[in-house]
C-alpha atoms as a PDB file:
ATOM      1  CA  UNK A   1      -2.073 -12.061   7.201  1.00  0.00           C
ATOM      2  CA  UNK A   2      -4.204 -12.123   9.688  1.00  0.00           C
ATOM      3  CA  UNK A   3      -3.792  -9.745  12.470  1.00  0.00           C
ATOM      4  CA  UNK A   4      -0.635  -7.434  10.871  1.00  0.00           C
ATOM      5  CA  UNK A   5      -2.878  -3.767  11.006  1.00  0.00           C
ATOM      6  CA  UNK A   6      -3.222  -1.928   7.556  1.00  0.00           C
ATOM      7  CA  UNK A   7      -1.232   1.128   7.419  1.00  0.00           C
ATOM      8  CA  UNK A   8      -2.343   3.926   5.287  1.00  0.00           C
ATOM      9  CA  UNK A   9      -1.840   7.546   4.789  1.00  0.00           C
ATOM     10  CA  UNK A  10      -4.549   9.854   3.341  1.00  0.00           C
ATOM     11  CA  UNK A  11      -4.405  13.555   3.335  1.00  0.00           C
ATOM     12  CA  UNK A  12      -5.665  15.584   6.116  1.00  0.00           C
ATOM     13  CA  UNK A  13      -8.801  17.809   5.743  1.00  0.00           C
ATOM     14  CA  UNK A  14     -10.953  20.062   7.490  1.00  0.00           C
ATOM     15  CA  UNK A  15     -12.697  17.818   9.149  1.00  0.00           C
ATOM     16  CA  UNK A  16     -10.192  15.933  10.571  1.00  0.00           C
ATOM     17  CA  UNK A  17      -9.401  18.912  12.698  1.00  0.00           C
ATOM     18  CA  UNK A  18     -11.555  18.408  15.575  1.00  0.00           C
ATOM     19  CA  UNK A  19     -10.022  14.997  15.351  1.00  0.00           C
ATOM     20  CA  UNK A  20      -6.060  16.852  15.873  1.00  0.00           C
ATOM     21  CA  UNK A  21      -7.674  19.390  18.562  1.00  0.00           C
ATOM     22  CA  UNK A  22      -8.707  15.895  20.924  1.00  0.00           C
ATOM     23  CA  UNK A  23      -5.961  13.748  20.425  1.00  0.00           C
ATOM     24  CA  UNK A  24      -3.181  17.045  20.855  1.00  0.00           C
ATOM     25  CA  UNK A  25      -5.212  18.195  24.036  1.00  0.00           C
ATOM     26  CA  UNK A  26      -5.021  14.286  25.984  1.00  0.00           C
ATOM     27  CA  UNK A  27      -1.913  15.244  28.222  1.00  0.00           C
ATOM     28  CA  UNK A  28       0.153  12.610  27.589  1.00  0.00           C
ATOM     29  CA  UNK A  29       0.373  14.740  23.903  1.00  0.00           C
ATOM     30  CA  UNK A  30       0.288  18.275  24.837  1.00  0.00           C
ATOM     31  CA  UNK A  31       2.831  16.770  27.926  1.00  0.00           C
ATOM     32  CA  UNK A  32       5.696  17.488  24.781  1.00  0.00           C
ATOM     33  CA  UNK A  33       4.534  20.324  23.207  1.00  0.00           C
ATOM     34  CA  UNK A  34       3.112  23.506  24.410  1.00  0.00           C
ATOM     35  CA  UNK A  35       0.772  22.555  27.060  1.00  0.00           C
ATOM     36  CA  UNK A  36      -3.049  22.084  25.513  1.00  0.00           C
ATOM     37  CA  UNK A  37      -4.340  24.264  22.841  1.00  0.00           C
ATOM     38  CA  UNK A  38      -7.616  25.356  21.789  1.00  0.00           C
ATOM     39  CA  UNK A  39      -9.514  24.441  18.553  1.00  0.00           C
ATOM     40  CA  UNK A  40      -8.361  28.048  16.526  1.00  0.00           C
ATOM     41  CA  UNK A  41      -4.989  27.944  17.512  1.00  0.00           C
ATOM     42  CA  UNK A  42      -5.722  23.788  15.775  1.00  0.00           C
ATOM     43  CA  UNK A  43      -7.669  25.848  12.312  1.00  0.00           C
ATOM     44  CA  UNK A  44      -4.688  28.265  12.460  1.00  0.00           C
ATOM     45  CA  UNK A  45      -2.146  25.968  12.296  1.00  0.00           C
ATOM     46  CA  UNK A  46      -2.964  22.637  10.673  1.00  0.00           C
ATOM     47  CA  UNK A  47      -5.322  24.847   8.648  1.00  0.00           C
ATOM     48  CA  UNK A  48      -2.638  26.470   6.697  1.00  0.00           C
ATOM     49  CA  UNK A  49      -1.326  22.857   6.092  1.00  0.00           C
ATOM     50  CA  UNK A  50      -3.980  21.992   4.225  1.00  0.00           C
ATOM     51  CA  UNK A  51      -4.014  24.945   1.888  1.00  0.00           C
ATOM     52  CA  UNK A  52       0.315  24.280   1.465  1.00  0.00           C
ATOM     53  CA  UNK A  53       2.482  23.556  -1.598  1.00  0.00           C
ATOM     54  CA  UNK A  54       5.154  22.672   0.293  1.00  0.00           C
ATOM     55  CA  UNK A  55       3.841  21.294   3.579  1.00  0.00           C
ATOM     56  CA  UNK A  56       2.269  17.965   3.308  1.00  0.00           C
ATOM     57  CA  UNK A  57      -0.189  16.463   6.257  1.00  0.00           C
ATOM     58  CA  UNK A  58      -1.618  13.207   6.772  1.00  0.00           C
ATOM     59  CA  UNK A  59      -3.328  10.954   8.857  1.00  0.00           C
ATOM     60  CA  UNK A  60      -2.388   7.686   9.672  1.00  0.00           C
ATOM     61  CA  UNK A  61      -5.492   5.412   9.056  1.00  0.00           C
ATOM     62  CA  UNK A  62      -4.807   2.004  11.131  1.00  0.00           C
ATOM     63  CA  UNK A  63      -7.307  -0.883   9.573  1.00  0.00           C
ATOM     64  CA  UNK A  64      -8.961   2.730   8.464  1.00  0.00           C
ATOM     65  CA  UNK A  65      -9.839   4.481  11.719  1.00  0.00           C
ATOM     66  CA  UNK A  66      -8.220   7.588  12.718  1.00  0.00           C
ATOM     67  CA  UNK A  67      -4.258   6.459  14.697  1.00  0.00           C
ATOM     68  CA  UNK A  68      -2.521   9.464  13.911  1.00  0.00           C
ATOM     69  CA  UNK A  69      -0.855  12.489  11.872  1.00  0.00           C
ATOM     70  CA  UNK A  70       2.369  12.669  10.358  1.00  0.00           C
ATOM     71  CA  UNK A  71       3.655  15.196   8.138  1.00  0.00           C
ATOM     72  CA  UNK A  72       6.278  16.144   5.176  1.00  0.00           C
ATOM     73  CA  UNK A  73       8.074  19.310   3.886  1.00  0.00           C
ATOM     74  CA  UNK A  74      10.437  20.218   1.470  1.00  0.00           C
ATOM     75  CA  UNK A  75      13.079  21.880   3.520  1.00  0.00           C
ATOM     76  CA  UNK A  76      14.553  24.376   0.936  1.00  0.00           C
ATOM     77  CA  UNK A  77      10.641  25.732   1.427  1.00  0.00           C
ATOM     78  CA  UNK A  78      10.309  26.380   4.812  1.00  0.00           C
ATOM     79  CA  UNK A  79      12.666  29.695   5.285  1.00  0.00           C
ATOM     80  CA  UNK A  80      14.652  30.070   8.378  1.00  0.00           C
ATOM     81  CA  UNK A  81      14.129  29.105  11.736  1.00  0.00           C
ATOM     82  CA  UNK A  82      12.608  25.946  10.787  1.00  0.00           C
ATOM     83  CA  UNK A  83      14.955  24.190   8.933  1.00  0.00           C
ATOM     84  CA  UNK A  84      18.767  24.220   9.096  1.00  0.00           C
ATOM     85  CA  UNK A  85      19.315  26.243   5.752  1.00  0.00           C
ATOM     86  CA  UNK A  86      19.012  24.494   2.916  1.00  0.00           C
ATOM     87  CA  UNK A  87      18.874  24.601  -1.484  1.00  0.00           C
ATOM     88  CA  UNK A  88      18.714  21.172  -2.073  1.00  0.00           C
ATOM     89  CA  UNK A  89      15.181  20.772  -3.528  1.00  0.00           C
ATOM     90  CA  UNK A  90      14.990  17.091  -3.769  1.00  0.00           C
ATOM     91  CA  UNK A  91      15.563  17.101   0.710  1.00  0.00           C
ATOM     92  CA  UNK A  92      11.894  16.143   2.573  1.00  0.00           C
ATOM     93  CA  UNK A  93      11.704  16.565   6.204  1.00  0.00           C
END
């Protein structure tokens, strides 16, 4: 269908972290989080998610180009403070 963008998700890689760093430091993004972040903070936080068994990070591709970030996680594996206590292993956030 002409004019409709193709949307895909692919797993986040270490090679995506510079792009994620740049996105997170854009003023319209940083205002909704904790403000600007360092590359080391991005590397620590999102690098660990790349290797996680319970958090699954993705780059959103719009017509093959990186256009966003999304993640899913198994709620029962996140512990207290990150998600309400959950025991059903099928609940995904």
